[in-house]
């Protein structure tokens, strides 16, 4: 690092501005709870403002002087500061927000330093990882066949020696509990870094697309050169260093065999006694497969939109329209300059009218008859005290639904990559809050894009502790699928 680079980082980097902000603890806490601890990579504008409003209410119970402004203002400020990214999804009617790579870096820095004194410092596993990585680089960069054969023979000799030792009755060498926790913590830290790096990859792809568009807009190259560059834009995304690494990662992760092997490994990890106290890290590992698949799908959808935008450059008609529009604007500017330099003509007068009304003919509604009202005689309404007490008692028995925990149950039940129905989910996780919990699952299925078959109904028996006998509920057939994603925020079930 050089002094100029460090100074530029502290003066211009959004990461440094976030860490040095007066409200940094609360901003980072909110962003971490909303985007890193939740289930969604991106969140709609309405839900983001709602969550921030709830966070402010909880904060003002102990700190009434912090974050007192409206949520809309803070969302706009954080977007302008580069801590949030605002974009539009084709399946959504409102803007979506996600963390920028600068906010990801700030959260990762805070997480590393806050947990530094409480988490295990994996020195041995990290040293082994460094050495193995360096050795792998040397082997992979060498084209000498004799050197590769010698390495393979050494590996074969070590494997055969271990097989002979086990067959001869010698004890199997296993990791000590400290070594297991050491390596597990190293893997979890690498997983955190991997999930944070997706934003940097996505922004790199967007930067490539902007370069292509600027090249086309500048007009410095010939049309043939611009068209050729635009044609190869999608391939260029895949030939950059980030693109090569990302698409290799996608090919590896989307392989059914690799997913099955990874799920099996995670299941075996959960059985290890040495990791029973690593509940938070184990939870992150259990969410690894669906979380990485969602992150990869988000980047791939972004690159698909970029490719579509770049291919529009091939449309000769659109290019001609842009050139014609640029010429018309240039003529208007030149005419305005000539009129500005010419002397005023007293015979030409301009009198604006402020009374004219401009209306769009398509905005007129169709004729409809006037609404008829029927008169009703007023009646005295008497309140039944017993009925009111009964309703109040029923309202008091209602339980709050934790949608985050319910979504966690759905995701954990689909960790093997297979779909499951609501009936199967209820068998694994019995209903605790009564019939309203089934309505909550119906809401989640609708909001997250799962399958709802209204032509078939399932019968589910609900055991409510407030009822004398179980309740039999008929509900549409719901199938939860691993690839479903949150499309429309806040939309009510139909």
Protein backbone atom coordinates (compact mmCIF):
# COMPACT_ATOMS: atom_id res chain seq x y z
CA UNK A 1 0.00 0.00 0.00
CA UNK A 2 1.11 3.53 -0.79
CA UNK A 3 0.31 6.67 1.11
CA UNK A 4 -1.66 8.13 -1.80
CA UNK A 5 -3.78 5.01 -2.16
CA UNK A 6 -4.59 4.94 1.56
CA UNK A 7 -5.48 8.61 1.55
CA UNK A 8 -7.69 8.19 -1.52
CA UNK A 9 -9.46 5.28 0.15
CA UNK A 10 -10.33 7.28 3.27
CA UNK A 11 -11.39 10.32 1.25
CA UNK A 12 -13.42 8.71 -1.55
CA UNK A 13 -14.31 5.12 -0.74
CA UNK A 14 -17.96 4.56 0.30
CA UNK A 15 -16.71 1.79 2.60
CA UNK A 16 -14.58 4.25 4.59
CA UNK A 17 -17.41 6.81 4.64
CA UNK A 18 -19.77 4.19 6.07
CA UNK A 19 -17.30 3.15 8.77
CA UNK A 20 -16.61 6.81 9.69
CA UNK A 21 -20.28 7.84 9.67
CA UNK A 22 -21.76 9.17 12.92
CA UNK A 23 -24.57 6.62 12.60
CA UNK A 24 -22.33 3.76 11.41
CA UNK A 25 -23.25 1.30 14.23
CA UNK A 26 -26.97 1.59 13.57
CA UNK A 27 -26.75 1.76 9.76
CA UNK A 28 -24.50 -1.33 9.61
CA UNK A 29 -26.69 -3.14 12.14
CA UNK A 30 -29.84 -2.45 10.09
CA UNK A 31 -28.23 -3.41 6.76
CA UNK A 32 -26.82 -6.60 8.28
CA UNK A 33 -30.18 -7.61 9.80
CA UNK A 34 -32.08 -6.82 6.62
CA UNK A 35 -29.83 -8.23 3.90
CA UNK A 36 -27.44 -10.68 5.59
CA UNK A 37 -29.54 -12.25 8.35
CA UNK A 38 -32.71 -12.50 6.26
CA UNK A 39 -33.68 -14.73 3.38
CA UNK A 40 -33.69 -12.24 0.49
CA UNK A 41 -30.77 -10.89 -1.51
CA UNK A 42 -32.79 -7.93 -2.76
CA UNK A 43 -35.77 -6.18 -1.14
CA UNK A 44 -38.49 -4.01 -2.63
CA UNK A 45 -38.73 -0.32 -1.84
CA UNK A 46 -41.96 -0.63 0.15
CA UNK A 47 -40.73 -3.46 2.35
CA UNK A 48 -37.34 -1.79 2.89
CA UNK A 49 -39.00 1.40 4.13
CA UNK A 50 -41.33 -0.62 6.32
CA UNK A 51 -38.44 -2.55 7.91
CA UNK A 52 -36.51 0.67 8.49
CA UNK A 53 -39.57 2.24 10.12
CA UNK A 54 -39.90 -0.74 12.47
CA UNK A 55 -36.17 -0.59 13.24
CA UNK A 56 -36.47 3.12 14.06
CA UNK A 57 -39.37 2.47 16.42
CA UNK A 58 -37.37 -0.18 18.30
CA UNK A 59 -34.30 2.08 18.36
CA UNK A 60 -36.24 5.10 19.68
CA UNK A 61 -37.32 3.13 22.75
CA UNK A 62 -33.74 3.47 24.06
CA UNK A 63 -32.19 6.12 21.78
CA UNK A 64 -34.92 8.65 20.89
CA UNK A 65 -32.48 11.11 19.25
CA UNK A 66 -31.08 8.72 16.61
CA UNK A 67 -32.35 8.30 13.03
CA UNK A 68 -35.33 10.58 13.60
CA UNK A 69 -35.93 11.36 9.91
CA UNK A 70 -38.37 9.61 7.56
CA UNK A 71 -37.26 6.21 6.15
CA UNK A 72 -37.50 7.53 2.57
CA UNK A 73 -34.78 10.07 3.24
CA UNK A 74 -32.35 7.53 4.69
CA UNK A 75 -32.92 5.06 1.84
CA UNK A 76 -32.20 7.83 -0.68
CA UNK A 77 -29.09 8.97 1.22
CA UNK A 78 -27.68 5.46 1.53
CA UNK A 79 -28.26 4.84 -2.16
CA UNK A 80 -26.57 8.10 -3.11
CA UNK A 81 -23.65 7.29 -0.77
CA UNK A 82 -23.09 3.98 -2.57
CA UNK A 83 -24.11 1.70 0.31
CA UNK A 84 -27.23 0.43 -1.45
CA UNK A 85 -27.84 -0.42 -5.09
CA UNK A 86 -31.17 0.51 -6.67
CA UNK A 87 -32.37 -1.40 -9.72
CA UNK A 88 -35.55 -2.52 -11.46
CA UNK A 89 -36.74 -6.11 -11.85
CA UNK A 90 -38.93 -7.09 -14.78
CA UNK A 91 -41.23 -9.06 -12.45
CA UNK A 92 -41.64 -6.23 -9.93
CA UNK A 93 -43.64 -3.01 -10.10
CA UNK A 94 -41.34 -1.08 -7.76
CA UNK A 95 -37.57 -0.50 -7.41
CA UNK A 96 -35.50 -3.17 -5.69
CA UNK A 97 -32.52 -2.60 -3.37
CA UNK A 98 -29.50 -4.72 -2.50
CA UNK A 99 -26.20 -4.17 -0.72
CA UNK A 100 -23.36 -2.66 -2.71
CA UNK A 101 -19.89 -4.17 -2.61
CA UNK A 102 -18.79 -1.26 -0.39
CA UNK A 103 -21.45 -2.06 2.22
CA UNK A 104 -20.54 -5.76 1.96
CA UNK A 105 -16.90 -4.86 2.69
CA UNK A 106 -17.88 -2.72 5.71
CA UNK A 107 -20.11 -5.47 7.17
CA UNK A 108 -17.39 -8.07 6.61
CA UNK A 109 -14.82 -5.80 8.33
CA UNK A 110 -17.08 -5.28 11.36
CA UNK A 111 -17.97 -8.97 11.56
CA UNK A 112 -14.31 -9.99 11.45
CA UNK A 113 -13.29 -7.59 14.21
CA UNK A 114 -16.31 -8.09 16.46
CA UNK A 115 -16.01 -11.88 16.41
CA UNK A 116 -12.20 -11.88 16.52
CA UNK A 117 -12.06 -12.32 20.28
CA UNK A 118 -14.85 -14.89 20.51
CA UNK A 119 -14.32 -17.13 17.50
CA UNK A 120 -11.60 -19.67 17.00
CA UNK A 121 -8.51 -18.38 15.18
CA UNK A 122 -7.70 -21.13 12.69
CA UNK A 123 -3.95 -20.72 12.33
CA UNK A 124 -3.14 -24.36 11.55
CA UNK A 125 -5.90 -24.85 8.99
CA UNK A 126 -5.13 -21.54 7.30
CA UNK A 127 -1.43 -22.38 7.07
CA UNK A 128 -2.25 -25.74 5.55
CA UNK A 129 -4.66 -24.08 3.14
CA UNK A 130 -2.01 -21.56 2.09
CA UNK A 131 0.62 -24.25 1.55
CA UNK A 132 -1.75 -26.54 -0.36
CA UNK A 133 -2.91 -23.64 -2.54
CA UNK A 134 0.66 -22.62 -3.38
CA UNK A 135 1.61 -26.22 -4.18
CA UNK A 136 -1.46 -26.56 -6.37
CA UNK A 137 -0.49 -23.40 -8.28
CA UNK A 138 3.00 -24.75 -8.92
CA UNK A 139 1.64 -28.11 -10.11
CA UNK A 140 -1.07 -26.59 -12.25
CA UNK A 141 1.29 -24.10 -13.90
CA UNK A 142 3.85 -26.76 -14.85
CA UNK A 143 3.56 -28.46 -18.25
CA UNK A 144 6.30 -30.99 -17.44
CA UNK A 145 4.72 -34.49 -17.68
CA UNK A 146 7.50 -36.12 -15.62
CA UNK A 147 6.88 -33.73 -12.75
CA UNK A 148 3.14 -34.43 -12.83
CA UNK A 149 3.74 -38.19 -12.92
CA UNK A 150 6.09 -37.98 -9.93
CA UNK A 151 3.46 -36.11 -7.95
CA UNK A 152 0.76 -38.67 -8.84
CA UNK A 153 3.06 -41.54 -7.87
CA UNK A 154 3.73 -39.89 -4.50
CA UNK A 155 0.01 -39.50 -3.94
CA UNK A 156 -0.58 -43.13 -4.88
CA UNK A 157 2.18 -44.30 -2.53
CA UNK A 158 0.65 -42.33 0.36
CA UNK A 159 -2.82 -43.72 -0.33
CA UNK A 160 -1.54 -47.29 -0.60
CA UNK A 161 0.44 -46.91 2.65
CA UNK A 162 -2.68 -45.67 4.46
CA UNK A 163 -4.74 -48.56 3.04
CA UNK A 164 -2.14 -51.10 4.20
CA UNK A 165 -2.01 -49.54 7.67
CA UNK A 166 -5.78 -49.78 8.06
CA UNK A 167 -5.88 -53.36 6.75
CA UNK A 168 -3.12 -54.40 9.14
CA UNK A 169 -5.23 -53.32 12.11
CA UNK A 170 -3.52 -50.04 12.97
CA UNK A 171 -5.65 -47.25 14.40
CA UNK A 172 -7.10 -44.73 11.95
CA UNK A 173 -5.67 -41.23 12.29
CA UNK A 174 -8.53 -38.78 12.86
CA UNK A 175 -8.68 -35.07 13.59
CA UNK A 176 -8.78 -33.91 17.18
CA UNK A 177 -11.88 -31.86 18.19
CA UNK A 178 -9.79 -28.67 18.15
CA UNK A 179 -8.59 -29.46 14.63
CA UNK A 180 -12.18 -30.09 13.50
CA UNK A 181 -13.37 -26.76 14.91
CA UNK A 182 -10.30 -25.02 13.45
CA UNK A 183 -10.97 -26.24 9.91
CA UNK A 184 -14.72 -25.71 10.22
CA UNK A 185 -14.27 -22.07 11.25
CA UNK A 186 -11.88 -21.51 8.34
CA UNK A 187 -14.47 -22.91 5.93
CA UNK A 188 -17.22 -20.69 7.40
CA UNK A 189 -15.04 -17.57 7.07
CA UNK A 190 -14.30 -18.43 3.44
CA UNK A 191 -18.05 -18.90 2.86
CA UNK A 192 -18.76 -15.42 4.27
CA UNK A 193 -16.14 -13.91 1.96
CA UNK A 194 -17.58 -15.81 -1.00
CA UNK A 195 -21.11 -14.51 -0.40
CA UNK A 196 -19.80 -10.94 -0.11
CA UNK A 197 -17.80 -11.19 -3.36
CA UNK A 198 -20.91 -11.62 -5.53
CA UNK A 199 -21.63 -7.88 -5.45
CA UNK A 200 -18.13 -7.10 -6.73
CA UNK A 201 -18.55 -9.63 -9.58
CA UNK A 202 -21.93 -8.17 -10.51
CA UNK A 203 -20.60 -4.59 -10.51
CA UNK A 204 -17.65 -5.70 -12.66
CA UNK A 205 -20.05 -7.09 -15.27
CA UNK A 206 -22.04 -3.85 -15.20
CA UNK A 207 -18.82 -1.86 -15.70
CA UNK A 208 -17.99 -3.87 -18.83
CA UNK A 209 -21.45 -3.17 -20.24
CA UNK A 210 -21.08 0.58 -19.53
CA UNK A 211 -17.75 0.62 -21.36
CA UNK A 212 -19.40 -0.88 -24.43
CA UNK A 213 -22.27 1.61 -24.31
CA UNK A 214 -19.89 4.57 -23.90
CA UNK A 215 -17.86 3.34 -26.85
CA UNK A 216 -21.00 3.27 -28.97
CA UNK A 217 -22.21 6.67 -27.76
CA UNK A 218 -18.88 8.41 -28.32
CA UNK A 219 -18.84 7.62 -32.05
CA UNK A 220 -15.04 7.53 -32.06
CA UNK A 221 -14.91 4.10 -33.70
CA UNK A 222 -16.35 3.02 -37.01
CA UNK A 223 -19.81 1.48 -37.05
CA UNK A 224 -18.38 -1.88 -38.03
CA UNK A 225 -15.99 -1.81 -35.10
CA UNK A 226 -18.75 -0.86 -32.66
CA UNK A 227 -21.07 -3.57 -33.97
CA UNK A 228 -18.32 -6.16 -33.77
CA UNK A 229 -17.51 -5.13 -30.21
CA UNK A 230 -21.19 -5.29 -29.25
CA UNK A 231 -21.57 -8.71 -30.83
CA UNK A 232 -18.71 -10.03 -28.73
CA UNK A 233 -19.86 -8.28 -25.56
CA UNK A 234 -21.50 -11.35 -24.04
CA UNK A 235 -18.43 -13.45 -24.82
CA UNK A 236 -16.27 -10.71 -23.33
CA UNK A 237 -18.19 -10.98 -20.08
CA UNK A 238 -17.20 -14.64 -19.96
CA UNK A 239 -13.56 -14.10 -20.93
CA UNK A 240 -12.76 -11.57 -18.21
CA UNK A 241 -11.07 -12.94 -15.08
CA UNK A 242 -14.21 -12.45 -13.01
CA UNK A 243 -16.36 -14.04 -15.71
CA UNK A 244 -14.15 -17.10 -16.08
CA UNK A 245 -14.10 -17.68 -12.33
CA UNK A 246 -17.82 -17.02 -11.92
CA UNK A 247 -19.02 -19.29 -14.71
CA UNK A 248 -16.71 -22.07 -13.50
CA UNK A 249 -18.28 -21.62 -10.06
CA UNK A 250 -21.78 -21.80 -11.59
CA UNK A 251 -20.93 -24.96 -13.54
CA UNK A 252 -19.62 -26.55 -10.36
CA UNK A 253 -22.48 -25.50 -8.09
CA UNK A 254 -25.33 -26.24 -10.53
CA UNK A 255 -24.11 -29.78 -11.08
CA UNK A 256 -26.66 -32.19 -9.51
CA UNK A 257 -23.86 -34.54 -8.47
CA UNK A 258 -21.95 -31.75 -6.73
CA UNK A 259 -25.11 -30.52 -4.97
CA UNK A 260 -25.93 -34.02 -3.75
CA UNK A 261 -22.38 -34.54 -2.50
CA UNK A 262 -22.41 -31.16 -0.76
CA UNK A 263 -25.75 -31.84 0.93
CA UNK A 264 -24.45 -35.22 2.14
CA UNK A 265 -21.32 -33.58 3.52
CA UNK A 266 -23.40 -30.99 5.41
CA UNK A 267 -25.58 -33.72 6.89
CA UNK A 268 -22.50 -35.59 8.12
CA UNK A 269 -21.08 -32.37 9.58
CA UNK A 270 -24.21 -31.96 11.71
CA UNK A 271 -23.51 -35.35 13.31
CA UNK A 272 -20.04 -34.40 14.56
CA UNK A 273 -19.92 -34.00 18.32
CA UNK A 274 -17.07 -31.47 18.11
CA UNK A 275 -19.35 -29.02 16.25
CA UNK A 276 -22.42 -29.18 18.50
CA UNK A 277 -21.60 -25.76 19.99
CA UNK A 278 -21.23 -24.13 16.56
CA UNK A 279 -24.97 -23.57 16.08
CA UNK A 280 -24.76 -20.18 14.33
CA UNK A 281 -22.01 -21.27 11.95
CA UNK A 282 -23.78 -24.57 11.30
CA UNK A 283 -26.94 -22.67 10.42
CA UNK A 284 -25.00 -20.66 7.84
CA UNK A 285 -23.55 -23.86 6.37
CA UNK A 286 -27.02 -25.43 6.16
CA UNK A 287 -28.20 -22.40 4.20
CA UNK A 288 -25.12 -22.51 1.96
CA UNK A 289 -26.55 -24.36 -1.05
CA UNK A 290 -29.81 -22.37 -1.48
CA UNK A 291 -28.04 -19.09 -0.62
CA UNK A 292 -25.27 -19.62 -3.18
CA UNK A 293 -27.79 -20.74 -5.80
CA UNK A 294 -29.83 -17.59 -5.20
CA UNK A 295 -26.72 -15.37 -5.40
CA UNK A 296 -25.58 -17.04 -8.64
CA UNK A 297 -29.07 -16.77 -10.13
CA UNK A 298 -29.16 -13.04 -9.27
CA UNK A 299 -25.85 -12.39 -11.04
CA UNK A 300 -26.87 -14.48 -14.05
CA UNK A 301 -30.14 -12.56 -14.40
CA UNK A 302 -28.16 -9.32 -14.25
CA UNK A 303 -25.78 -10.47 -16.98
CA UNK A 304 -28.75 -11.60 -19.07
CA UNK A 305 -30.25 -8.12 -18.86
CA UNK A 306 -26.87 -6.60 -19.76
CA UNK A 307 -26.57 -8.90 -22.76
CA UNK A 308 -30.03 -7.86 -23.92
CA UNK A 309 -29.10 -4.20 -23.58
CA UNK A 310 -25.85 -4.70 -25.49
CA UNK A 311 -27.57 -6.56 -28.30
CA UNK A 312 -29.87 -3.60 -28.86
CA UNK A 313 -26.81 -1.85 -30.25
CA UNK A 314 -27.10 -4.16 -33.25
CA UNK A 315 -30.44 -2.67 -34.26
CA UNK A 316 -29.64 -0.47 -37.24
CA UNK A 317 -32.99 1.32 -37.00
CA UNK A 318 -32.42 2.25 -33.35
CA UNK A 319 -28.92 3.49 -34.19
CA UNK A 320 -30.30 5.62 -37.03
CA UNK A 321 -32.96 7.08 -34.75
CA UNK A 322 -30.30 8.03 -32.19
CA UNK A 323 -28.21 9.74 -34.87
CA UNK A 324 -31.24 11.59 -36.24
CA UNK A 325 -32.28 12.71 -32.75
CA UNK A 326 -28.74 13.95 -32.03
CA UNK A 327 -28.77 15.97 -35.29
CA UNK A 328 -32.16 17.53 -34.47
CA UNK A 329 -30.97 18.54 -30.99
CA UNK A 330 -27.83 20.05 -32.51
CA UNK A 331 -29.96 22.09 -34.98
CA UNK A 332 -32.16 23.32 -32.11
CA UNK A 333 -29.11 24.46 -30.13
CA UNK A 334 -27.66 26.30 -33.14
CA UNK A 335 -30.99 28.01 -33.86
CA UNK A 336 -31.26 29.08 -30.22
CA UNK A 337 -27.75 30.55 -30.34
CA UNK A 338 -28.56 32.52 -33.50
CA UNK A 339 -31.76 33.89 -32.00
CA UNK A 340 -29.97 34.80 -28.81
CA UNK A 341 -27.40 36.90 -30.69
CA UNK A 342 -29.95 38.59 -32.99
CA UNK A 343 -31.68 41.84 -32.06
CA UNK A 344 -35.19 41.62 -30.69
CA UNK A 345 -37.96 42.11 -33.28
CA UNK A 346 -40.72 44.35 -31.81
CA UNK A 347 -43.27 42.98 -34.29
CA UNK A 348 -43.06 39.52 -32.72
CA UNK A 349 -44.77 39.21 -29.37
CA UNK A 350 -45.41 36.21 -27.14
CA UNK A 351 -48.37 36.19 -24.77
CA UNK A 352 -48.69 32.97 -22.75
CA UNK A 353 -52.16 31.99 -21.59
CA UNK A 354 -52.47 30.50 -18.15
CA UNK A 355 -56.17 29.63 -18.49
CA UNK A 356 -55.85 26.88 -21.07
CA UNK A 357 -56.53 23.34 -19.82
CA UNK A 358 -54.60 20.44 -21.29
CA UNK A 359 -56.29 17.06 -21.03
CA UNK A 360 -55.49 13.64 -22.36
CA UNK A 361 -58.53 12.21 -24.23
CA UNK A 362 -57.60 8.70 -23.08
CA UNK A 363 -57.90 9.80 -19.45
CA UNK A 364 -61.69 10.23 -19.72
CA UNK A 365 -63.59 7.42 -18.10
CA UNK A 366 -66.56 5.59 -19.57
CA UNK A 367 -70.04 6.76 -18.66
CA UNK A 368 -71.67 4.99 -15.77
CA UNK A 369 -75.07 5.62 -14.23
CA UNK A 370 -75.26 7.48 -10.96
CA UNK A 371 -75.14 5.31 -7.90
CA UNK A 372 -78.52 4.82 -6.29
CA UNK A 373 -78.82 4.96 -2.54
CA UNK A 374 -81.52 3.31 -0.49
CA UNK A 375 -82.64 4.93 2.68
CA UNK A 376 -82.47 2.91 5.86
CA UNK A 377 -84.09 3.81 9.10
CA UNK A 378 -81.66 4.33 11.97
CA UNK A 379 -81.73 1.59 14.55
CA UNK A 380 -80.41 1.62 18.07
CA UNK A 381 -77.49 -0.79 18.46
CA UNK A 382 -77.00 -2.47 21.79
CA UNK A 383 -73.62 -3.96 22.68
CA UNK A 384 -73.66 -7.51 23.97
CA UNK A 385 -71.11 -7.51 26.81
CA UNK A 386 -70.68 -11.29 26.86
CA UNK A 387 -70.13 -11.44 23.12
CA UNK A 388 -67.61 -8.58 23.30
CA UNK A 389 -65.67 -10.37 26.05
CA UNK A 390 -65.68 -13.56 24.00
CA UNK A 391 -64.31 -11.75 20.94
CA UNK A 392 -61.65 -9.98 23.04
CA UNK A 393 -60.56 -13.29 24.56
CA UNK A 394 -60.29 -14.86 21.11
CA UNK A 395 -58.24 -11.88 19.91
CA UNK A 396 -55.92 -12.19 22.94
CA UNK A 397 -55.25 -15.82 22.09
CA UNK A 398 -53.89 -14.92 18.65
CA UNK A 399 -50.17 -15.56 18.23
CA UNK A 400 -47.70 -13.50 16.22
CA UNK A 401 -46.38 -15.23 13.11
CA UNK A 402 -42.61 -15.19 12.58
CA UNK A 403 -42.36 -15.29 8.78
CA UNK A 404 -38.56 -15.42 8.95
CA UNK A 405 -38.65 -18.59 11.05
CA UNK A 406 -41.37 -20.11 8.83
CA UNK A 407 -39.28 -19.47 5.71
CA UNK A 408 -36.30 -21.00 7.51
CA UNK A 409 -38.32 -24.17 8.15
CA UNK A 410 -39.25 -24.36 4.47
CA UNK A 411 -35.67 -23.87 3.33
CA UNK A 412 -34.23 -26.42 5.80
CA UNK A 413 -36.80 -29.01 4.69
CA UNK A 414 -35.66 -28.51 1.07
CA UNK A 415 -31.91 -28.64 1.76
CA UNK A 416 -31.74 -31.83 -0.30
CA UNK A 417 -32.95 -29.88 -3.36
CA UNK A 418 -36.33 -31.62 -3.60
CA UNK A 419 -39.77 -30.02 -3.46
CA UNK A 420 -42.24 -30.74 -0.69
CA UNK A 421 -45.92 -30.12 -0.08
CA UNK A 422 -47.50 -28.22 2.78
CA UNK A 423 -48.79 -31.50 4.22
CA UNK A 424 -45.23 -32.89 4.35
CA UNK A 425 -43.94 -29.65 5.90
CA UNK A 426 -46.61 -29.75 8.64
CA UNK A 427 -45.70 -33.37 9.39
CA UNK A 428 -42.06 -32.33 9.98
CA UNK A 429 -42.90 -29.10 11.78
CA UNK A 430 -46.32 -29.37 13.48
CA UNK A 431 -48.54 -26.29 13.58
CA UNK A 432 -48.06 -24.26 16.78
CA UNK A 433 -50.19 -21.15 16.23
CA UNK A 434 -53.40 -22.77 14.99
CA UNK A 435 -55.18 -22.15 11.71
CA UNK A 436 -53.57 -18.72 11.28
CA UNK A 437 -50.18 -20.43 10.80
CA UNK A 438 -51.57 -22.28 7.76
CA UNK A 439 -52.69 -18.91 6.38
CA UNK A 440 -49.13 -17.69 6.94
CA UNK A 441 -47.73 -20.55 4.85
CA UNK A 442 -50.28 -19.71 2.15
CA UNK A 443 -49.08 -16.07 2.22
CA UNK A 444 -45.42 -17.18 1.92
CA UNK A 445 -46.23 -19.55 -0.94
CA UNK A 446 -47.91 -16.72 -2.83
CA UNK A 447 -45.26 -14.05 -2.13
CA UNK A 448 -42.25 -16.30 -2.86
CA UNK A 449 -43.61 -17.77 -6.07
CA UNK A 450 -44.25 -21.34 -4.93
CA UNK A 451 -46.90 -23.54 -6.56
CA UNK A 452 -50.53 -23.11 -5.41
CA UNK A 453 -53.09 -25.44 -7.03
CA UNK A 454 -56.56 -24.05 -6.32
CA UNK A 455 -58.25 -26.98 -8.07
CA UNK A 456 -57.10 -29.52 -5.50
CA UNK A 457 -57.42 -29.25 -1.73
CA UNK A 458 -55.61 -30.96 1.13
CA UNK A 459 -57.11 -31.80 4.51
CA UNK A 460 -54.90 -30.82 7.46
CA UNK A 461 -55.76 -31.54 11.06
CA UNK A 462 -54.80 -28.75 13.45
CA UNK A 463 -54.55 -29.39 17.19
CA UNK A 464 -55.37 -26.11 18.92
CA UNK A 465 -54.86 -26.05 22.68
CA UNK A 466 -57.75 -23.58 23.01
CA UNK A 467 -60.20 -25.89 21.27
CA UNK A 468 -61.72 -29.00 22.78
CA UNK A 469 -61.33 -31.07 19.62
CA UNK A 470 -58.94 -30.93 16.64
CA UNK A 471 -59.88 -28.78 13.64
CA UNK A 472 -59.93 -30.22 10.12
CA UNK A 473 -58.93 -27.52 7.64
CA UNK A 474 -59.27 -27.67 3.83
CA UNK A 475 -56.51 -25.66 2.10
CA UNK A 476 -55.36 -25.45 -1.57
CA UNK A 477 -52.60 -27.87 -2.55
CA UNK A 478 -49.28 -26.04 -1.98
CA UNK A 479 -45.91 -27.26 -3.26
CA UNK A 480 -42.75 -25.51 -2.07
CA UNK A 481 -39.98 -25.54 -4.70
CA UNK A 482 -36.26 -24.80 -4.07
CA UNK A 483 -35.93 -22.45 -7.06
CA UNK A 484 -38.85 -20.20 -6.08
CA UNK A 485 -37.84 -16.62 -5.40
CA UNK A 486 -39.41 -13.54 -3.86
CA UNK A 487 -40.99 -11.69 -6.78
CA UNK A 488 -43.63 -9.25 -5.56
CA UNK A 489 -43.17 -7.68 -2.15
CA UNK A 490 -46.22 -7.08 -0.05
CA UNK A 491 -48.80 -8.39 -2.52
CA UNK A 492 -51.79 -9.97 -0.85
CA UNK A 493 -52.98 -13.52 -1.72
CA UNK A 494 -55.65 -13.79 -4.34
